[in-house]
Amino acid sequence: MGSSTRALADAIAGEAVRQGRTTPAVRGADWQTATVTAVGTGTVDCGDIRARRLDSYLNPTVGDTAVISRSGQGNWVAHGRTATAADTAWPSYPAAWTSSGTAPALGNGVLVGRYHKVGRTVHMTINLSIGTTTTGGTGNSFLSLPVQAANAGCTYIGHAHWAGNSRWAGQFVIAPAGTTGTPFFPSGAADVRLTQMNPAINAPEAVGSGDVLRITATYESAT
């Protein structure tokens, strides 16, 4: 074989190696970014590609820029979305304060609910600031959840904190399939047992302007 023939053969071999390194169709496996065009059950479509989602890829949305990869056998998997320019703040939701008796009146008080949902895990906070025209109503108090809780036979326990004339530590109880939760506080200054928040019986104490109720909880959502 002449030198020119060997040089040509070497060039062809080198080009084949280069193409194999850069062309997925040649090497058989690949990863890339792609835009999600449809969301299925456990899958996402990126144009003509249907990829199965990893457990870590939660809440897929059309328009996501996702990282997808293909095995040598041609199977596609979606690893997750790429990060946005900045994390977004927790969204607020229209929290409601209700009771088992006469309804409370927020008046010039402030009630703020915020939450973060990852898959079926919900993290939430509620801040209720009592104003000069706020009335507590009668009966046991309830605060609405951002999304319904799962009906999994499990009661979820969060934290409740009342800052008034004194500071009271309590619990925020979410029943299975609940759409509301209820705060529990000590029933009296000398009694460490908990009772449902009930302004009519001063549990944990009489509602007064400037008082603040703070709640944090984590629970499983119904969907």
N, C-alpha and C. Protein backbone atom coordinates (compact mmCIF):
# COMPACT_ATOMS: atom_id res chain seq x y z
N MET A 1 0.84 -1.18 0.00
CA MET A 1 0.00 0.00 0.00
C MET A 1 0.89 1.24 0.00
N GLY A 2 0.60 2.14 -0.92
CA GLY A 2 1.41 3.33 -1.04
C GLY A 2 1.11 4.30 0.09
N SER A 3 2.01 5.30 0.21
CA SER A 3 1.85 6.27 1.29
C SER A 3 0.58 7.09 1.13
N SER A 4 0.22 7.41 -0.09
CA SER A 4 -1.01 8.19 -0.30
C SER A 4 -2.24 7.39 0.07
N THR A 5 -2.18 6.08 -0.21
CA THR A 5 -3.32 5.23 0.13
C THR A 5 -3.46 5.11 1.64
N ARG A 6 -2.29 4.96 2.33
CA ARG A 6 -2.33 4.87 3.80
C ARG A 6 -2.83 6.17 4.41
N ALA A 7 -2.39 7.27 3.83
CA ALA A 7 -2.83 8.57 4.35
C ALA A 7 -4.34 8.74 4.19
N LEU A 8 -4.86 8.28 3.03
CA LEU A 8 -6.29 8.37 2.81
C LEU A 8 -7.05 7.49 3.80
N ALA A 9 -6.53 6.27 4.03
CA ALA A 9 -7.18 5.35 4.96
C ALA A 9 -7.16 5.93 6.38
N ASP A 10 -6.02 6.54 6.76
CA ASP A 10 -5.92 7.15 8.09
C ASP A 10 -6.90 8.31 8.23
N ALA A 11 -7.04 9.09 7.16
CA ALA A 11 -7.96 10.23 7.20
C ALA A 11 -9.40 9.77 7.33
N ILE A 12 -9.75 8.69 6.60
CA ILE A 12 -11.11 8.16 6.69
C ILE A 12 -11.37 7.61 8.10
N ALA A 13 -10.40 6.90 8.65
CA ALA A 13 -10.56 6.35 10.00
C ALA A 13 -10.69 7.47 11.03
N GLY A 14 -9.86 8.50 10.87
CA GLY A 14 -9.92 9.62 11.80
C GLY A 14 -11.26 10.34 11.74
N GLU A 15 -11.78 10.50 10.52
CA GLU A 15 -13.08 11.16 10.37
C GLU A 15 -14.19 10.31 10.97
N ALA A 16 -14.09 8.98 10.82
CA ALA A 16 -15.09 8.09 11.41
C ALA A 16 -15.09 8.21 12.93
N VAL A 17 -13.89 8.29 13.53
CA VAL A 17 -13.80 8.45 14.98
C VAL A 17 -14.40 9.79 15.40
N ARG A 18 -14.07 10.86 14.63
CA ARG A 18 -14.61 12.18 14.98
C ARG A 18 -16.12 12.20 14.89
N GLN A 19 -16.67 11.62 13.84
CA GLN A 19 -18.12 11.56 13.69
C GLN A 19 -18.76 10.74 14.80
N GLY A 20 -18.12 9.68 15.20
CA GLY A 20 -18.65 8.86 16.27
C GLY A 20 -18.70 9.58 17.60
N ARG A 21 -17.72 10.50 17.79
CA ARG A 21 -17.69 11.26 19.04
C ARG A 21 -18.76 12.35 19.08
N THR A 22 -19.14 12.87 17.94
CA THR A 22 -20.01 14.05 17.90
C THR A 22 -21.42 13.76 17.41
N THR A 23 -21.67 12.56 16.90
CA THR A 23 -22.98 12.25 16.33
C THR A 23 -23.68 11.18 17.16
N PRO A 24 -24.80 11.52 17.83
CA PRO A 24 -25.51 10.53 18.65
C PRO A 24 -25.94 9.30 17.86
N ALA A 25 -26.32 9.50 16.61
CA ALA A 25 -26.77 8.36 15.81
C ALA A 25 -25.66 7.35 15.61
N VAL A 26 -24.40 7.80 15.71
CA VAL A 26 -23.27 6.89 15.54
C VAL A 26 -22.90 6.23 16.87
N ARG A 27 -22.76 7.04 17.92
CA ARG A 27 -22.30 6.48 19.19
C ARG A 27 -23.42 5.86 20.00
N GLY A 28 -24.68 6.17 19.69
CA GLY A 28 -25.80 5.47 20.31
C GLY A 28 -26.31 6.04 21.61
N ALA A 29 -25.52 6.79 22.36
CA ALA A 29 -25.95 7.40 23.61
C ALA A 29 -25.69 8.90 23.55
N ASP A 30 -26.52 9.66 24.29
CA ASP A 30 -26.41 11.10 24.17
C ASP A 30 -27.16 11.77 25.31
N TRP A 31 -26.77 12.98 25.69
CA TRP A 31 -27.60 13.82 26.53
C TRP A 31 -27.66 15.20 25.91
N GLN A 32 -28.76 15.87 26.16
CA GLN A 32 -28.98 17.18 25.57
C GLN A 32 -30.06 17.91 26.36
N THR A 33 -30.26 19.17 26.05
CA THR A 33 -31.39 19.91 26.60
C THR A 33 -32.46 20.01 25.52
N ALA A 34 -33.72 20.04 25.97
CA ALA A 34 -34.84 20.10 25.03
C ALA A 34 -36.00 20.79 25.73
N THR A 35 -36.92 21.32 24.94
CA THR A 35 -38.10 21.99 25.48
C THR A 35 -39.26 21.01 25.60
N VAL A 36 -39.89 20.97 26.77
CA VAL A 36 -41.02 20.08 26.99
C VAL A 36 -42.24 20.62 26.25
N THR A 37 -42.84 19.77 25.41
CA THR A 37 -44.02 20.16 24.63
C THR A 37 -45.30 19.52 25.13
N ALA A 38 -45.19 18.47 25.95
CA ALA A 38 -46.38 17.82 26.51
C ALA A 38 -45.96 17.04 27.75
N VAL A 39 -46.90 16.90 28.69
CA VAL A 39 -46.64 16.17 29.93
C VAL A 39 -47.59 15.00 30.03
N GLY A 40 -47.05 13.81 30.24
CA GLY A 40 -47.86 12.61 30.40
C GLY A 40 -47.73 12.05 31.81
N THR A 41 -48.20 10.84 32.00
CA THR A 41 -48.10 10.17 33.29
C THR A 41 -46.72 9.54 33.40
N GLY A 42 -45.83 10.19 34.13
CA GLY A 42 -44.47 9.70 34.27
C GLY A 42 -43.56 9.99 33.10
N THR A 43 -44.06 10.76 32.12
CA THR A 43 -43.28 11.06 30.93
C THR A 43 -43.39 12.53 30.56
N VAL A 44 -42.47 12.97 29.73
CA VAL A 44 -42.58 14.27 29.06
C VAL A 44 -42.25 14.06 27.59
N ASP A 45 -42.91 14.85 26.76
CA ASP A 45 -42.59 14.86 25.33
C ASP A 45 -41.77 16.09 25.03
N CYS A 46 -40.73 15.91 24.27
CA CYS A 46 -39.90 17.01 23.77
C CYS A 46 -39.89 16.89 22.26
N GLY A 47 -40.91 17.49 21.63
CA GLY A 47 -41.08 17.29 20.19
C GLY A 47 -41.45 15.84 19.92
N ASP A 48 -40.67 15.16 19.09
CA ASP A 48 -40.93 13.76 18.75
C ASP A 48 -40.37 12.78 19.78
N ILE A 49 -39.65 13.28 20.76
CA ILE A 49 -39.02 12.42 21.76
C ILE A 49 -39.94 12.29 22.98
N ARG A 50 -40.21 11.07 23.38
CA ARG A 50 -40.94 10.82 24.63
C ARG A 50 -39.96 10.23 25.63
N ALA A 51 -39.77 10.92 26.75
CA ALA A 51 -38.80 10.50 27.75
C ALA A 51 -39.49 10.21 29.07
N ARG A 52 -39.05 9.16 29.76
CA ARG A 52 -39.60 8.85 31.07
C ARG A 52 -38.91 9.71 32.11
N ARG A 53 -39.73 10.28 33.02
CA ARG A 53 -39.19 11.17 34.04
C ARG A 53 -38.56 10.40 35.19
N LEU A 54 -37.47 10.94 35.74
CA LEU A 54 -36.94 10.45 37.00
C LEU A 54 -37.84 10.92 38.15
N ASP A 55 -37.77 10.21 39.28
CA ASP A 55 -38.56 10.61 40.45
C ASP A 55 -38.24 12.04 40.88
N SER A 56 -37.01 12.47 40.64
CA SER A 56 -36.59 13.80 41.08
C SER A 56 -37.13 14.91 40.20
N TYR A 57 -37.70 14.58 39.03
CA TYR A 57 -38.25 15.60 38.14
C TYR A 57 -39.72 15.77 38.48
N LEU A 58 -40.01 16.68 39.39
CA LEU A 58 -41.37 16.87 39.89
C LEU A 58 -42.03 18.07 39.22
N ASN A 59 -43.35 18.02 39.14
CA ASN A 59 -44.16 19.12 38.60
C ASN A 59 -43.68 19.59 37.23
N PRO A 60 -43.54 18.69 36.26
CA PRO A 60 -43.11 19.13 34.92
C PRO A 60 -44.16 20.04 34.30
N THR A 61 -43.71 20.96 33.50
CA THR A 61 -44.58 21.95 32.88
C THR A 61 -44.19 22.14 31.43
N VAL A 62 -45.19 22.26 30.56
CA VAL A 62 -44.90 22.57 29.16
C VAL A 62 -44.09 23.86 29.11
N GLY A 63 -43.02 23.83 28.35
CA GLY A 63 -42.14 24.98 28.26
C GLY A 63 -40.87 24.82 29.06
N ASP A 64 -40.82 23.80 29.95
CA ASP A 64 -39.59 23.54 30.69
C ASP A 64 -38.44 23.29 29.73
N THR A 65 -37.26 23.75 30.08
CA THR A 65 -36.04 23.30 29.42
C THR A 65 -35.49 22.16 30.25
N ALA A 66 -35.57 20.95 29.72
CA ALA A 66 -35.23 19.75 30.48
C ALA A 66 -33.94 19.13 29.95
N VAL A 67 -33.25 18.44 30.84
CA VAL A 67 -32.10 17.65 30.45
C VAL A 67 -32.58 16.23 30.17
N ILE A 68 -32.36 15.75 28.96
CA ILE A 68 -32.77 14.40 28.58
C ILE A 68 -31.55 13.64 28.07
N SER A 69 -31.59 12.33 28.20
CA SER A 69 -30.48 11.51 27.72
C SER A 69 -31.03 10.23 27.11
N ARG A 70 -30.23 9.65 26.22
CA ARG A 70 -30.63 8.43 25.52
C ARG A 70 -29.58 7.36 25.74
N SER A 71 -30.07 6.15 26.01
CA SER A 71 -29.17 5.02 26.18
C SER A 71 -28.76 4.49 24.81
N GLY A 72 -27.79 3.58 24.83
CA GLY A 72 -27.37 2.96 23.58
C GLY A 72 -28.47 2.14 22.93
N GLN A 73 -29.49 1.74 23.71
CA GLN A 73 -30.62 0.98 23.17
C GLN A 73 -31.71 1.90 22.64
N GLY A 74 -31.53 3.22 22.77
CA GLY A 74 -32.49 4.15 22.21
C GLY A 74 -33.55 4.62 23.18
N ASN A 75 -33.46 4.25 24.48
CA ASN A 75 -34.45 4.69 25.47
C ASN A 75 -34.09 6.07 26.01
N TRP A 76 -35.11 6.93 26.12
CA TRP A 76 -34.90 8.30 26.58
C TRP A 76 -35.37 8.46 28.03
N VAL A 77 -34.63 9.26 28.80
CA VAL A 77 -35.00 9.57 30.17
C VAL A 77 -34.85 11.07 30.38
N ALA A 78 -35.80 11.66 31.12
CA ALA A 78 -35.76 13.09 31.45
C ALA A 78 -35.26 13.24 32.88
N HIS A 79 -34.12 13.90 33.06
CA HIS A 79 -33.51 14.03 34.38
C HIS A 79 -34.14 15.16 35.18
N GLY A 80 -34.59 16.21 34.54
CA GLY A 80 -35.17 17.34 35.26
C GLY A 80 -34.99 18.62 34.47
N ARG A 81 -35.61 19.68 34.98
CA ARG A 81 -35.51 20.98 34.31
C ARG A 81 -34.22 21.67 34.69
N THR A 82 -33.74 22.52 33.80
CA THR A 82 -32.59 23.34 34.12
C THR A 82 -33.03 24.49 35.02
N ALA A 83 -32.11 25.04 35.79
CA ALA A 83 -32.44 26.09 36.73
C ALA A 83 -32.82 27.37 36.00
N THR A 84 -33.77 28.10 36.57
CA THR A 84 -34.11 29.41 36.04
C THR A 84 -33.09 30.43 36.54
N ALA A 85 -33.22 31.64 36.08
CA ALA A 85 -32.26 32.67 36.46
C ALA A 85 -32.24 32.89 37.97
N ALA A 86 -33.38 32.75 38.62
CA ALA A 86 -33.45 32.94 40.07
C ALA A 86 -34.61 32.13 40.62
N ASP A 87 -34.46 31.64 41.85
CA ASP A 87 -35.57 30.94 42.49
C ASP A 87 -36.73 31.92 42.71
N THR A 88 -37.94 31.41 42.55
CA THR A 88 -39.11 32.26 42.76
C THR A 88 -39.54 32.19 44.22
N ALA A 89 -40.16 33.27 44.68
CA ALA A 89 -40.66 33.30 46.06
C ALA A 89 -41.87 32.39 46.19
N TRP A 90 -42.14 31.95 47.40
CA TRP A 90 -43.35 31.15 47.64
C TRP A 90 -44.57 31.99 47.25
N PRO A 91 -45.51 31.39 46.53
CA PRO A 91 -46.73 32.14 46.20
C PRO A 91 -47.63 32.27 47.42
N SER A 92 -48.41 33.32 47.45
CA SER A 92 -49.41 33.50 48.50
C SER A 92 -50.70 32.82 48.09
N TYR A 93 -51.59 32.59 49.05
CA TYR A 93 -52.91 32.05 48.74
C TYR A 93 -53.92 32.73 49.65
N PRO A 94 -55.19 32.77 49.26
CA PRO A 94 -56.20 33.50 50.04
C PRO A 94 -56.63 32.72 51.28
N ALA A 95 -55.80 32.73 52.30
CA ALA A 95 -56.12 32.02 53.54
C ALA A 95 -57.39 32.58 54.15
N ALA A 96 -58.20 31.69 54.73
CA ALA A 96 -59.47 32.09 55.35
C ALA A 96 -59.48 31.64 56.81
N TRP A 97 -60.03 32.49 57.67
CA TRP A 97 -60.19 32.20 59.10
C TRP A 97 -61.67 31.98 59.35
N THR A 98 -62.04 30.77 59.74
CA THR A 98 -63.44 30.42 60.01
C THR A 98 -63.53 29.81 61.40
N SER A 99 -64.77 29.49 61.80
CA SER A 99 -64.95 28.89 63.12
C SER A 99 -66.16 27.98 63.10
N SER A 100 -66.32 27.21 64.18
CA SER A 100 -67.46 26.31 64.31
C SER A 100 -68.69 27.03 64.84
N GLY A 101 -68.55 28.31 65.21
CA GLY A 101 -69.68 29.10 65.72
C GLY A 101 -69.85 30.37 64.92
N THR A 102 -70.02 31.49 65.63
CA THR A 102 -70.11 32.78 64.95
C THR A 102 -68.79 33.08 64.27
N ALA A 103 -68.85 33.47 63.00
CA ALA A 103 -67.64 33.66 62.21
C ALA A 103 -66.80 34.80 62.76
N PRO A 104 -65.48 34.64 62.78
CA PRO A 104 -64.62 35.76 63.14
C PRO A 104 -64.65 36.82 62.04
N ALA A 105 -64.30 38.04 62.40
CA ALA A 105 -64.22 39.13 61.43
C ALA A 105 -62.80 39.69 61.44
N LEU A 106 -62.14 39.64 60.30
CA LEU A 106 -60.75 40.09 60.24
C LEU A 106 -60.64 41.60 60.44
N GLY A 107 -61.64 42.36 59.96
CA GLY A 107 -61.59 43.81 60.10
C GLY A 107 -60.32 44.38 59.49
N ASN A 108 -59.61 45.20 60.26
CA ASN A 108 -58.37 45.78 59.75
C ASN A 108 -57.14 44.95 60.12
N GLY A 109 -57.39 43.71 60.50
CA GLY A 109 -56.28 42.79 60.70
C GLY A 109 -55.73 42.32 59.36
N VAL A 110 -54.68 41.52 59.42
CA VAL A 110 -54.02 41.03 58.21
C VAL A 110 -53.86 39.52 58.32
N LEU A 111 -54.28 38.80 57.28
CA LEU A 111 -54.14 37.35 57.23
C LEU A 111 -53.40 36.99 55.94
N VAL A 112 -52.23 36.40 56.07
CA VAL A 112 -51.38 36.08 54.92
C VAL A 112 -51.05 34.59 54.95
N GLY A 113 -51.32 33.89 53.84
CA GLY A 113 -50.93 32.50 53.69
C GLY A 113 -49.95 32.36 52.53
N ARG A 114 -48.91 31.56 52.72
CA ARG A 114 -47.93 31.31 51.66
C ARG A 114 -47.57 29.83 51.68
N TYR A 115 -47.15 29.31 50.54
CA TYR A 115 -46.85 27.87 50.48
C TYR A 115 -45.87 27.57 49.36
N HIS A 116 -45.31 26.35 49.44
CA HIS A 116 -44.41 25.84 48.40
C HIS A 116 -44.76 24.37 48.22
N LYS A 117 -45.10 23.97 47.00
CA LYS A 117 -45.53 22.59 46.71
C LYS A 117 -44.50 21.93 45.82
N VAL A 118 -43.95 20.81 46.27
CA VAL A 118 -43.00 20.00 45.51
C VAL A 118 -43.59 18.61 45.37
N GLY A 119 -44.06 18.28 44.18
CA GLY A 119 -44.78 17.02 44.03
C GLY A 119 -46.03 17.06 44.88
N ARG A 120 -46.14 16.13 45.84
CA ARG A 120 -47.30 16.11 46.74
C ARG A 120 -46.92 16.53 48.16
N THR A 121 -45.77 17.15 48.31
CA THR A 121 -45.36 17.67 49.60
C THR A 121 -45.59 19.17 49.64
N VAL A 122 -46.32 19.63 50.64
CA VAL A 122 -46.69 21.04 50.76
C VAL A 122 -46.05 21.62 52.02
N HIS A 123 -45.33 22.71 51.87
CA HIS A 123 -44.82 23.48 52.99
C HIS A 123 -45.65 24.78 53.04
N MET A 124 -46.12 25.16 54.19
CA MET A 124 -47.02 26.31 54.27
C MET A 124 -46.73 27.15 55.51
N THR A 125 -47.11 28.42 55.42
CA THR A 125 -47.07 29.32 56.58
C THR A 125 -48.33 30.17 56.57
N ILE A 126 -48.76 30.56 57.75
CA ILE A 126 -49.88 31.49 57.91
C ILE A 126 -49.48 32.52 58.96
N ASN A 127 -49.72 33.78 58.68
CA ASN A 127 -49.55 34.84 59.66
C ASN A 127 -50.87 35.59 59.80
N LEU A 128 -51.40 35.60 61.00
CA LEU A 128 -52.63 36.34 61.30
C LEU A 128 -52.29 37.43 62.29
N SER A 129 -52.40 38.68 61.87
CA SER A 129 -52.14 39.82 62.73
C SER A 129 -53.47 40.45 63.12
N ILE A 130 -53.74 40.53 64.40
CA ILE A 130 -55.00 41.05 64.91
C ILE A 130 -55.01 42.58 64.85
N GLY A 131 -56.08 43.15 64.30
CA GLY A 131 -56.22 44.59 64.23
C GLY A 131 -57.19 45.13 65.27
N THR A 132 -57.36 46.43 65.29
CA THR A 132 -58.23 47.05 66.29
C THR A 132 -59.70 46.72 66.07
N THR A 133 -60.08 46.34 64.83
CA THR A 133 -61.47 46.00 64.55
C THR A 133 -61.67 44.51 64.33
N THR A 134 -60.65 43.70 64.62
CA THR A 134 -60.77 42.25 64.47
C THR A 134 -61.56 41.67 65.63
N THR A 135 -62.47 40.74 65.30
CA THR A 135 -63.19 40.00 66.34
C THR A 135 -62.99 38.51 66.12
N GLY A 136 -62.87 37.77 67.21
CA GLY A 136 -62.53 36.35 67.11
C GLY A 136 -63.70 35.43 66.87
N GLY A 137 -64.96 35.94 66.98
CA GLY A 137 -66.11 35.08 66.82
C GLY A 137 -66.24 34.12 67.98
N THR A 138 -66.98 33.05 67.76
CA THR A 138 -67.15 32.02 68.80
C THR A 138 -66.86 30.67 68.19
N GLY A 139 -66.66 29.69 69.05
CA GLY A 139 -66.39 28.34 68.56
C GLY A 139 -64.92 28.16 68.24
N ASN A 140 -64.57 26.95 67.80
CA ASN A 140 -63.19 26.61 67.50
C ASN A 140 -62.77 27.21 66.16
N SER A 141 -61.52 27.67 66.11
CA SER A 141 -61.02 28.35 64.91
C SER A 141 -60.40 27.37 63.93
N PHE A 142 -60.53 27.71 62.64
CA PHE A 142 -59.94 26.93 61.56
C PHE A 142 -59.26 27.89 60.57
N LEU A 143 -58.14 27.46 60.00
CA LEU A 143 -57.45 28.21 58.96
C LEU A 143 -57.37 27.34 57.71
N SER A 144 -57.68 27.92 56.55
CA SER A 144 -57.72 27.14 55.32
C SER A 144 -56.32 26.77 54.83
N LEU A 145 -56.23 25.62 54.17
CA LEU A 145 -54.97 25.13 53.59
C LEU A 145 -54.85 25.61 52.14
N PRO A 146 -53.64 25.68 51.60
CA PRO A 146 -53.49 26.07 50.20
C PRO A 146 -54.01 25.01 49.23
N VAL A 147 -53.86 23.73 49.57
CA VAL A 147 -54.41 22.62 48.78
C VAL A 147 -54.87 21.55 49.77
N GLN A 148 -55.82 20.75 49.34
CA GLN A 148 -56.39 19.72 50.23
C GLN A 148 -55.33 18.70 50.63
N ALA A 149 -55.41 18.24 51.87
CA ALA A 149 -54.50 17.21 52.38
C ALA A 149 -54.90 15.84 51.85
N ALA A 150 -53.93 14.94 51.79
CA ALA A 150 -54.19 13.58 51.36
C ALA A 150 -55.04 12.84 52.38
N ASN A 151 -55.86 11.90 51.91
CA ASN A 151 -56.65 11.04 52.78
C ASN A 151 -55.91 9.72 52.95
N ALA A 152 -54.82 9.78 53.72
CA ALA A 152 -53.94 8.62 53.86
C ALA A 152 -53.97 8.06 55.27
N GLY A 153 -55.02 8.38 56.04
CA GLY A 153 -55.13 7.88 57.40
C GLY A 153 -54.12 8.50 58.35
N CYS A 154 -53.57 9.64 57.96
CA CYS A 154 -52.52 10.28 58.75
C CYS A 154 -52.92 11.70 59.09
N THR A 155 -52.82 12.07 60.36
CA THR A 155 -53.03 13.45 60.79
C THR A 155 -51.68 14.14 60.86
N TYR A 156 -51.59 15.31 60.25
CA TYR A 156 -50.33 16.04 60.18
C TYR A 156 -50.30 17.10 61.29
N ILE A 157 -49.16 17.21 61.96
CA ILE A 157 -49.01 18.13 63.08
C ILE A 157 -47.95 19.17 62.72
N GLY A 158 -48.36 20.44 62.67
CA GLY A 158 -47.43 21.53 62.46
C GLY A 158 -47.29 22.36 63.73
N HIS A 159 -46.72 23.53 63.58
CA HIS A 159 -46.46 24.40 64.73
C HIS A 159 -47.39 25.60 64.69
N ALA A 160 -47.81 26.03 65.86
CA ALA A 160 -48.59 27.26 66.01
C ALA A 160 -47.97 28.08 67.13
N HIS A 161 -47.98 29.39 66.97
CA HIS A 161 -47.36 30.26 67.95
C HIS A 161 -48.22 31.51 68.09
N TRP A 162 -48.69 31.77 69.30
CA TRP A 162 -49.48 32.97 69.55
C TRP A 162 -48.63 33.94 70.37
N ALA A 163 -48.49 35.15 69.85
CA ALA A 163 -47.74 36.20 70.55
C ALA A 163 -48.72 37.29 70.94
N GLY A 164 -49.12 37.29 72.20
CA GLY A 164 -50.04 38.29 72.72
C GLY A 164 -49.47 38.89 73.99
N ASN A 165 -50.25 38.90 75.08
CA ASN A 165 -49.72 39.32 76.36
C ASN A 165 -48.61 38.39 76.83
N SER A 166 -48.72 37.12 76.42
CA SER A 166 -47.68 36.12 76.65
C SER A 166 -47.43 35.40 75.34
N ARG A 167 -46.41 34.59 75.31
CA ARG A 167 -46.12 33.77 74.13
C ARG A 167 -46.59 32.34 74.40
N TRP A 168 -47.38 31.82 73.47
CA TRP A 168 -47.97 30.50 73.64
C TRP A 168 -47.51 29.59 72.50
N ALA A 169 -46.95 28.44 72.84
CA ALA A 169 -46.56 27.44 71.85
C ALA A 169 -47.68 26.40 71.72
N GLY A 170 -48.03 26.07 70.50
CA GLY A 170 -49.10 25.09 70.28
C GLY A 170 -48.85 24.25 69.04
N GLN A 171 -49.90 23.65 68.56
CA GLN A 171 -49.85 22.77 67.39
C GLN A 171 -50.86 23.22 66.35
N PHE A 172 -50.56 22.91 65.09
CA PHE A 172 -51.50 23.13 63.99
C PHE A 172 -51.84 21.75 63.43
N VAL A 173 -53.08 21.33 63.57
CA VAL A 173 -53.48 19.96 63.29
C VAL A 173 -54.27 19.91 61.98
N ILE A 174 -53.81 19.04 61.06
CA ILE A 174 -54.45 18.86 59.76
C ILE A 174 -54.96 17.43 59.67
N ALA A 175 -56.26 17.26 59.57
CA ALA A 175 -56.87 15.92 59.51
C ALA A 175 -56.74 15.33 58.11
N PRO A 176 -56.86 14.00 57.96
CA PRO A 176 -56.84 13.38 56.64
C PRO A 176 -57.91 14.00 55.74
N ALA A 177 -57.53 14.31 54.51
CA ALA A 177 -58.42 14.90 53.50
C ALA A 177 -58.88 16.31 53.90
N GLY A 178 -58.23 16.92 54.87
CA GLY A 178 -58.66 18.22 55.34
C GLY A 178 -58.41 19.34 54.34
N THR A 179 -59.28 20.31 54.35
CA THR A 179 -59.07 21.55 53.59
C THR A 179 -58.75 22.71 54.52
N THR A 180 -58.86 22.45 55.82
CA THR A 180 -58.49 23.42 56.84
C THR A 180 -57.66 22.72 57.91
N GLY A 181 -56.97 23.52 58.71
CA GLY A 181 -56.30 23.02 59.89
C GLY A 181 -56.76 23.84 61.07
N THR A 182 -56.51 23.34 62.27
CA THR A 182 -56.95 24.07 63.47
C THR A 182 -55.80 24.19 64.46
N PRO A 183 -55.61 25.38 65.03
CA PRO A 183 -54.57 25.55 66.04
C PRO A 183 -55.04 25.03 67.40
N PHE A 184 -54.15 24.40 68.14
CA PHE A 184 -54.39 23.97 69.51
C PHE A 184 -53.39 24.68 70.41
N PHE A 185 -53.89 25.19 71.55
CA PHE A 185 -53.05 25.89 72.51
C PHE A 185 -53.38 25.40 73.92
N PRO A 186 -52.49 25.67 74.88
CA PRO A 186 -52.82 25.34 76.27
C PRO A 186 -54.14 25.99 76.68
N SER A 187 -54.93 25.26 77.43
CA SER A 187 -56.25 25.76 77.79
C SER A 187 -56.22 26.76 78.94
N GLY A 188 -55.09 26.92 79.59
CA GLY A 188 -54.98 27.90 80.66
C GLY A 188 -53.54 28.06 81.07
N ALA A 189 -53.24 29.15 81.79
CA ALA A 189 -51.85 29.43 82.14
C ALA A 189 -51.24 28.35 83.01
N ALA A 190 -52.07 27.68 83.81
CA ALA A 190 -51.55 26.65 84.70
C ALA A 190 -51.84 25.24 84.17
N ASP A 191 -52.29 25.15 82.93
CA ASP A 191 -52.72 23.88 82.35
C ASP A 191 -51.95 23.67 81.04
N VAL A 192 -51.11 22.64 81.00
CA VAL A 192 -50.28 22.41 79.81
C VAL A 192 -51.01 21.59 78.75
N ARG A 193 -52.23 21.12 79.06
CA ARG A 193 -52.98 20.40 78.03
C ARG A 193 -53.40 21.37 76.93
N LEU A 194 -53.58 20.83 75.72
CA LEU A 194 -53.92 21.66 74.58
C LEU A 194 -55.41 21.63 74.31
N THR A 195 -55.95 22.76 73.87
CA THR A 195 -57.34 22.84 73.44
C THR A 195 -57.39 23.64 72.15
N GLN A 196 -58.45 23.45 71.36
CA GLN A 196 -58.54 24.18 70.11
C GLN A 196 -58.62 25.68 70.35
N MET A 197 -57.97 26.42 69.46
CA MET A 197 -58.03 27.88 69.55
C MET A 197 -59.49 28.32 69.52
N ASN A 198 -59.90 29.07 70.55
CA ASN A 198 -61.29 29.47 70.71
C ASN A 198 -61.33 30.84 71.40
N PRO A 199 -61.37 31.92 70.60
CA PRO A 199 -61.33 33.26 71.21
C PRO A 199 -62.44 33.50 72.21
N ALA A 200 -63.60 32.83 72.07
CA ALA A 200 -64.72 33.08 72.96
C ALA A 200 -64.44 32.62 74.39
N ILE A 201 -63.55 31.64 74.54
CA ILE A 201 -63.21 31.16 75.89
C ILE A 201 -61.77 31.51 76.24
N ASN A 202 -61.22 32.49 75.50
CA ASN A 202 -59.87 33.00 75.78
C ASN A 202 -58.81 31.90 75.69
N ALA A 203 -58.95 31.04 74.69
CA ALA A 203 -57.95 30.01 74.46
C ALA A 203 -57.17 30.32 73.18
N PRO A 204 -55.91 30.74 73.26
CA PRO A 204 -55.11 30.70 74.48
C PRO A 204 -55.29 31.91 75.39
N GLU A 205 -55.73 33.05 74.83
CA GLU A 205 -56.02 34.23 75.65
C GLU A 205 -56.96 35.11 74.85
N ALA A 206 -57.46 36.16 75.46
CA ALA A 206 -58.37 37.06 74.75
C ALA A 206 -57.69 37.67 73.54
N VAL A 207 -58.40 37.73 72.42
CA VAL A 207 -57.86 38.33 71.21
C VAL A 207 -57.70 39.83 71.43
N GLY A 208 -56.49 40.35 71.17
CA GLY A 208 -56.23 41.76 71.37
C GLY A 208 -55.46 42.36 70.21
N SER A 209 -55.67 43.63 69.95
CA SER A 209 -54.97 44.32 68.87
C SER A 209 -53.46 44.19 69.05
N GLY A 210 -52.79 43.84 67.98
CA GLY A 210 -51.34 43.65 68.02
C GLY A 210 -50.91 42.22 68.23
N ASP A 211 -51.85 41.34 68.60
CA ASP A 211 -51.53 39.92 68.74
C ASP A 211 -51.21 39.34 67.37
N VAL A 212 -50.41 38.30 67.35
CA VAL A 212 -50.01 37.65 66.09
C VAL A 212 -50.08 36.14 66.26
N LEU A 213 -50.68 35.46 65.30
CA LEU A 213 -50.67 34.00 65.23
C LEU A 213 -49.79 33.59 64.07
N ARG A 214 -48.81 32.75 64.33
CA ARG A 214 -47.91 32.26 63.28
C ARG A 214 -48.00 30.75 63.21
N ILE A 215 -48.11 30.23 61.98
CA ILE A 215 -48.26 28.79 61.77
C ILE A 215 -47.29 28.32 60.70
N THR A 216 -46.67 27.19 60.91
CA THR A 216 -45.90 26.51 59.88
C THR A 216 -46.27 25.04 59.90
N ALA A 217 -46.35 24.42 58.72
CA ALA A 217 -46.72 23.00 58.64
C ALA A 217 -46.23 22.42 57.34
N THR A 218 -46.04 21.11 57.33
CA THR A 218 -45.72 20.35 56.13
C THR A 218 -46.67 19.16 56.09
N TYR A 219 -47.27 18.91 54.92
CA TYR A 219 -48.20 17.79 54.81
C TYR A 219 -48.24 17.27 53.38
N GLU A 220 -48.87 16.12 53.20
CA GLU A 220 -49.04 15.51 51.88
C GLU A 220 -50.36 15.99 51.27
N SER A 221 -50.29 16.43 50.03
CA SER A 221 -51.51 16.91 49.37
C SER A 221 -52.27 15.76 48.74
N ALA A 222 -53.54 16.00 48.47
CA ALA A 222 -54.38 14.97 47.87
C ALA A 222 -53.96 14.65 46.45
N THR A 223 -53.45 15.63 45.71
CA THR A 223 -52.99 15.42 44.34
C THR A 223 -51.65 16.08 44.15
